[in-house]
Amino acid sequence: MFEIFKIGFISFTFLDLIDILLVSFIFYKLYSVTKGTIAAQIFYGLLFVLLLSFIAQAANFKALGWLLKLISEVWVIAFIILFQPEIRRLLVLVGKSPITKIFFKTAESNLPEIISDAAFELAQHQHGALIVIVKSVGIRGIAETGEAINSKVSKNLLRSIFFPRSPLHDGAVIIRGDIIEAARCTLPLTSETSVEGFSLGMRHRAGIGITEQADVISVIVSEELGSISVAENGKFVRGLSKDSLKHYLRNSLKATRDKGIRSIFEQMKKNQLSNRIENI
């Protein structure tokens, strides 16, 4: 193994560096998950016990080493019991990572169902709405024009935001993944004022305008007509039913996920090919 440096008879190799980085990453993730909770204090105590055990072994403290040995025999079970909620949250974060989704098939997102149900009920009450779903690249600049929400998307939350008396109803909601990032956001307007004889209002022009500048889907509910429309890549489709909107969103989001996975595998193949050329 490639040796980086040597102190006396102790050599520090590249494998040791990887080992330290992995352990540091694990401890960092544990800290980030437990930060702000009671478990954080327990985590600090555990680090102190580990440090004390290391010092006791290095200094050959027999009594202290014996006491810490008794603690270490049950610390794994105690760790699982004390950190059960945090371990569950950490495993959920690992399961949601893009790398994990490549190798393991996860349940499909229910975002199309939530959006279509919320849009249908808003249309039934003729409550205007503008929902922007981010497909690939985020639109942080647009999200910063509104009020930060950062809450899991739900039908009732969307209905509450677009209730006419709500202070957040005027503007767009930005959804990324299954999280509502912001509400009452200001969107750029398209230069078009009508599509196929249909006169576009400000809400519809904003819904189309953002799709001309970003990889997003806009769902627009008309306050005057109680109709549901969708915009993507500057194209506008109106008069959708709840089922047709659900079908459209499911197909569009699925195509985006498949495209992302293909691009990752293509990049991996390119890297393998370049490594083979370098070896030649």
Protein backbone atom coordinates (compact mmCIF):
# COMPACT_ATOMS: atom_id res chain seq x y z
CA MET A 1 0.00 0.00 0.00
CA PHE A 2 1.24 3.50 -0.88
CA GLU A 3 2.95 5.08 2.14
CA ILE A 4 2.24 8.79 2.72
CA PHE A 5 4.64 9.43 5.62
CA LYS A 6 6.33 7.62 8.50
CA ILE A 7 6.84 8.56 12.16
CA GLY A 8 9.43 6.30 13.76
CA PHE A 9 8.29 2.73 13.15
CA ILE A 10 4.68 3.82 12.50
CA SER A 11 3.82 4.26 8.81
CA PHE A 12 0.78 6.20 7.58
CA THR A 13 -0.61 4.75 4.35
CA PHE A 14 -3.29 5.80 1.89
CA LEU A 15 -5.56 3.10 3.35
CA ASP A 16 -5.21 4.70 6.80
CA LEU A 17 -6.25 8.03 5.30
CA ILE A 18 -9.40 6.50 3.80
CA ASP A 19 -10.17 4.82 7.12
CA ILE A 20 -9.90 8.12 9.02
CA LEU A 21 -12.03 9.96 6.46
CA LEU A 22 -14.78 7.31 6.65
CA VAL A 23 -14.85 7.37 10.46
CA SER A 24 -14.89 11.19 10.44
CA PHE A 25 -17.78 11.19 7.96
CA ILE A 26 -19.78 8.74 10.11
CA PHE A 27 -19.25 10.83 13.24
CA TYR A 28 -20.16 14.01 11.34
CA LYS A 29 -23.41 12.43 10.12
CA LEU A 30 -24.23 11.25 13.63
CA TYR A 31 -23.60 14.76 14.95
CA SER A 32 -25.75 16.39 12.24
CA VAL A 33 -28.63 13.98 12.93
CA THR A 34 -28.49 14.40 16.72
CA LYS A 35 -27.80 18.16 16.69
CA GLY A 36 -30.39 20.07 18.69
CA THR A 37 -31.76 16.95 20.44
CA ILE A 38 -31.27 15.36 23.85
CA ALA A 39 -29.34 12.57 22.12
CA ALA A 40 -26.63 15.12 21.29
CA GLN A 41 -25.62 15.28 24.96
CA ILE A 42 -25.45 11.49 25.06
CA PHE A 43 -23.34 11.56 21.91
CA TYR A 44 -20.87 13.96 23.54
CA GLY A 45 -20.69 11.67 26.56
CA LEU A 46 -19.98 8.69 24.32
CA LEU A 47 -17.14 10.56 22.61
CA PHE A 48 -15.70 11.43 26.03
CA VAL A 49 -15.81 7.77 27.12
CA LEU A 50 -14.07 6.68 23.90
CA LEU A 51 -11.37 9.33 24.36
CA LEU A 52 -10.88 8.33 28.01
CA SER A 53 -10.61 4.66 27.01
CA PHE A 54 -7.93 5.52 24.45
CA ILE A 55 -5.94 7.48 27.03
CA ALA A 56 -6.27 4.66 29.59
CA GLN A 57 -4.90 2.11 27.12
CA ALA A 58 -2.06 4.38 26.03
CA ALA A 59 -1.07 5.20 29.66
CA ASN A 60 -1.65 1.60 30.85
CA PHE A 61 -4.10 2.63 33.61
CA LYS A 62 -5.21 -0.81 34.77
CA ALA A 63 -8.07 0.18 37.12
CA LEU A 64 -9.53 2.75 34.75
CA GLY A 65 -9.06 0.38 31.81
CA TRP A 66 -10.92 -2.38 33.68
CA LEU A 67 -13.82 -0.02 34.44
CA LEU A 68 -14.05 1.19 30.86
CA LYS A 69 -13.88 -2.40 29.65
CA LEU A 70 -17.05 -3.16 31.63
CA ILE A 71 -18.76 -0.21 29.97
CA SER A 72 -17.56 -1.20 26.50
CA GLU A 73 -19.11 -4.67 26.85
CA VAL A 74 -22.62 -3.20 26.92
CA TRP A 75 -22.13 0.05 25.03
CA VAL A 76 -23.29 -1.39 21.69
CA ILE A 77 -26.68 -2.41 23.12
CA ALA A 78 -26.96 0.87 25.04
CA PHE A 79 -26.06 2.79 21.88
CA ILE A 80 -28.87 1.13 19.89
CA ILE A 81 -31.43 1.72 22.65
CA LEU A 82 -30.50 5.36 23.31
CA PHE A 83 -30.09 6.38 19.67
CA GLN A 84 -32.95 4.39 18.17
CA PRO A 85 -34.81 7.42 16.69
CA GLU A 86 -31.57 8.98 15.40
CA ILE A 87 -30.40 5.70 13.83
CA ARG A 88 -33.76 5.42 12.08
CA ARG A 89 -33.43 8.98 10.74
CA LEU A 90 -29.86 8.29 9.57
CA LEU A 91 -30.95 5.15 7.70
CA VAL A 92 -33.78 7.11 6.08
CA LEU A 93 -31.27 9.72 4.87
CA VAL A 94 -29.07 6.97 3.44
CA GLY A 95 -32.07 5.40 1.73
CA LYS A 96 -32.98 8.73 0.11
CA SER A 97 -29.52 9.34 -1.32
CA PRO A 98 -29.26 9.31 -5.16
CA ILE A 99 -26.63 6.53 -5.12
CA THR A 100 -28.91 4.23 -3.13
CA LYS A 101 -31.82 4.87 -5.50
CA ILE A 102 -29.68 3.70 -8.43
CA PHE A 103 -29.14 0.20 -7.03
CA PHE A 104 -32.37 -0.28 -5.08
CA LYS A 105 -35.85 0.26 -6.42
CA THR A 106 -37.81 2.49 -4.03
CA ALA A 107 -41.49 3.21 -3.84
CA GLU A 108 -42.65 5.80 -6.33
CA SER A 109 -43.35 9.25 -5.03
CA ASN A 110 -46.97 10.11 -4.37
CA LEU A 111 -46.35 13.74 -5.39
CA PRO A 112 -48.50 13.45 -8.58
CA GLU A 113 -51.46 12.25 -6.48
CA ILE A 114 -51.04 15.04 -3.92
CA ILE A 115 -50.73 17.77 -6.56
CA SER A 116 -53.66 16.51 -8.66
CA ASP A 117 -55.95 16.08 -5.62
CA ALA A 118 -55.07 19.56 -4.31
CA ALA A 119 -55.48 21.18 -7.75
CA PHE A 120 -58.87 19.47 -8.27
CA GLU A 121 -60.24 20.62 -4.91
CA LEU A 122 -58.91 24.15 -5.45
CA ALA A 123 -60.55 24.21 -8.89
CA GLN A 124 -63.84 23.01 -7.40
CA HIS A 125 -63.87 26.05 -5.10
CA GLN A 126 -62.42 28.34 -7.81
CA HIS A 127 -59.39 29.18 -5.70
CA GLY A 128 -56.53 30.28 -7.94
CA ALA A 129 -53.20 28.48 -7.57
CA LEU A 130 -49.77 28.33 -9.17
CA ILE A 131 -47.59 25.33 -8.26
CA VAL A 132 -44.06 24.98 -9.65
CA ILE A 133 -42.46 21.52 -9.47
CA VAL A 134 -38.68 21.48 -9.85
CA LYS A 135 -37.51 18.59 -12.04
CA SER A 136 -33.71 18.79 -12.10
CA VAL A 137 -31.88 22.07 -11.41
CA GLY A 138 -33.16 24.16 -8.53
CA ILE A 139 -34.44 27.72 -8.84
CA ARG A 140 -33.10 29.18 -5.61
CA GLY A 141 -33.22 32.74 -6.92
CA ILE A 142 -36.95 32.41 -7.56
CA ALA A 143 -37.57 30.71 -4.22
CA GLU A 144 -35.80 33.55 -2.39
CA THR A 145 -38.39 36.04 -3.70
CA GLY A 146 -41.05 34.39 -1.51
CA GLU A 147 -41.52 33.13 2.02
CA ALA A 148 -39.51 30.06 3.07
CA ILE A 149 -41.70 27.07 4.04
CA ASN A 150 -39.43 23.96 3.95
CA SER A 151 -42.23 21.59 4.86
CA LYS A 152 -43.32 18.22 3.50
CA VAL A 153 -45.89 18.69 0.75
CA SER A 154 -49.47 17.71 1.48
CA LYS A 155 -52.88 18.37 -0.02
CA ASN A 156 -54.18 20.25 3.03
CA LEU A 157 -51.07 22.45 3.22
CA LEU A 158 -51.45 23.45 -0.44
CA ARG A 159 -55.13 24.20 0.06
CA SER A 160 -54.31 26.33 3.09
CA ILE A 161 -51.65 28.31 1.23
CA PHE A 162 -53.95 29.09 -1.73
CA PHE A 163 -57.01 29.90 0.36
CA PRO A 164 -58.02 33.42 -0.81
CA ARG A 165 -57.70 34.92 2.68
CA SER A 166 -54.26 33.39 3.27
CA PRO A 167 -51.40 35.94 3.19
CA LEU A 168 -49.40 33.48 1.06
CA HIS A 169 -51.98 32.77 -1.65
CA ASP A 170 -50.79 35.47 -4.06
CA GLY A 171 -47.79 34.08 -5.95
CA ALA A 172 -46.30 30.68 -6.69
CA VAL A 173 -45.40 27.70 -4.53
CA ILE A 174 -42.03 26.05 -5.28
CA ILE A 175 -41.86 22.28 -4.71
CA ARG A 176 -38.59 20.35 -4.88
CA GLY A 177 -38.78 16.62 -4.27
CA ASP A 178 -41.48 16.20 -1.63
CA ILE A 179 -40.71 19.51 0.09
CA ILE A 180 -42.44 22.86 -0.34
CA GLU A 181 -39.45 25.20 -0.41
CA ALA A 182 -41.26 28.53 -0.56
CA ALA A 183 -44.59 30.23 -1.18
CA ARG A 184 -45.67 33.63 -2.50
CA CYS A 185 -42.83 33.57 -5.04
CA THR A 186 -42.58 35.96 -7.98
CA LEU A 187 -42.10 34.33 -11.39
CA PRO A 188 -40.96 35.79 -14.72
CA LEU A 189 -43.75 36.37 -17.26
CA THR A 190 -43.86 34.96 -20.76
CA SER A 191 -44.06 37.41 -23.63
CA GLU A 192 -47.10 35.56 -24.99
CA THR A 193 -50.49 37.04 -24.10
CA SER A 194 -52.68 34.35 -25.66
CA VAL A 195 -52.40 30.67 -26.66
CA GLU A 196 -54.69 29.20 -29.33
CA GLY A 197 -57.27 31.93 -28.81
CA PHE A 198 -57.14 31.63 -25.01
CA SER A 199 -56.31 34.91 -23.31
CA LEU A 200 -53.60 34.44 -20.69
CA GLY A 201 -53.89 36.14 -17.33
CA MET A 202 -50.97 37.03 -15.07
CA ARG A 203 -51.05 33.66 -13.29
CA HIS A 204 -50.94 31.72 -16.57
CA ARG A 205 -48.24 33.96 -18.05
CA ALA A 206 -46.11 33.45 -14.93
CA GLY A 207 -46.68 29.68 -15.03
CA ILE A 208 -45.52 29.49 -18.65
CA GLY A 209 -42.69 32.02 -18.17
CA ILE A 210 -40.84 30.01 -15.53
CA THR A 211 -40.92 26.89 -17.72
CA GLU A 212 -39.21 28.86 -20.51
CA GLN A 213 -36.25 29.57 -18.21
CA ALA A 214 -35.97 26.46 -16.01
CA ASP A 215 -36.58 22.72 -16.06
CA VAL A 216 -39.83 22.79 -14.11
CA ILE A 217 -43.51 21.94 -14.41
CA SER A 218 -46.15 24.56 -13.63
CA VAL A 219 -49.63 23.59 -12.52
CA ILE A 220 -52.07 26.49 -12.84
CA VAL A 221 -55.58 26.62 -11.38
CA SER A 222 -57.73 29.39 -12.83
CA GLU A 223 -59.62 31.47 -10.29
CA GLU A 224 -62.13 32.71 -12.88
CA LEU A 225 -62.87 29.45 -14.75
CA GLY A 226 -61.98 26.84 -12.14
CA SER A 227 -59.94 24.98 -14.77
CA ILE A 228 -56.61 23.17 -14.42
CA SER A 229 -53.70 23.80 -16.80
CA VAL A 230 -50.10 22.65 -16.97
CA ALA A 231 -47.01 24.21 -18.56
CA GLU A 232 -43.65 22.62 -19.38
CA ASN A 233 -40.81 23.73 -21.66
CA GLY A 234 -42.85 26.77 -22.65
CA LYS A 235 -45.76 24.61 -23.85
CA PHE A 236 -49.24 25.06 -22.39
CA VAL A 237 -52.02 22.50 -21.97
CA ARG A 238 -55.39 23.51 -20.48
CA GLY A 239 -58.61 21.84 -19.43
CA LEU A 240 -57.07 18.89 -17.57
CA SER A 241 -59.05 16.58 -15.30
CA LYS A 242 -57.70 15.25 -12.02
CA ASP A 243 -56.76 11.90 -13.57
CA SER A 244 -55.17 13.41 -16.67
CA LEU A 245 -53.08 15.78 -14.52
CA LYS A 246 -51.97 12.88 -12.33
CA HIS A 247 -51.03 10.86 -15.41
CA TYR A 248 -49.11 13.79 -16.93
CA LEU A 249 -47.12 14.51 -13.76
CA ARG A 250 -46.29 10.85 -13.17
CA ASN A 251 -44.96 10.36 -16.71
CA SER A 252 -42.99 13.61 -16.74
CA LEU A 253 -41.32 13.05 -13.35
CA LYS A 254 -40.58 9.40 -14.17
CA ALA A 255 -38.90 10.44 -17.42
CA THR A 256 -36.73 12.89 -15.49
CA ARG A 257 -35.64 10.22 -12.99
CA ASP A 258 -34.82 7.74 -15.75
CA LYS A 259 -32.82 10.39 -17.61
CA GLY A 260 -30.84 11.20 -14.47
CA ILE A 261 -29.98 7.54 -13.84
CA ARG A 262 -28.90 7.06 -17.46
CA SER A 263 -26.63 10.10 -17.30
CA ILE A 264 -24.95 8.76 -14.15
CA PHE A 265 -24.27 5.38 -15.76
CA GLU A 266 -23.02 7.06 -18.94
CA GLN A 267 -20.58 9.14 -16.91
CA MET A 268 -19.39 6.00 -15.11
CA LYS A 269 -18.76 4.31 -18.48
CA LYS A 270 -16.83 7.35 -19.74
CA ASN A 271 -14.65 7.32 -16.62
CA GLN A 272 -13.94 3.60 -17.05
CA LEU A 273 -13.04 4.14 -20.71
CA SER A 274 -10.70 7.03 -19.90
CA ASN A 275 -8.98 4.93 -17.20
CA ARG A 276 -8.41 2.11 -19.70
CA ILE A 277 -6.93 4.55 -22.24
CA GLU A 278 -4.57 5.94 -19.61
CA ASN A 279 -3.45 2.42 -18.65
CA ILE A 280 -2.70 1.66 -22.30
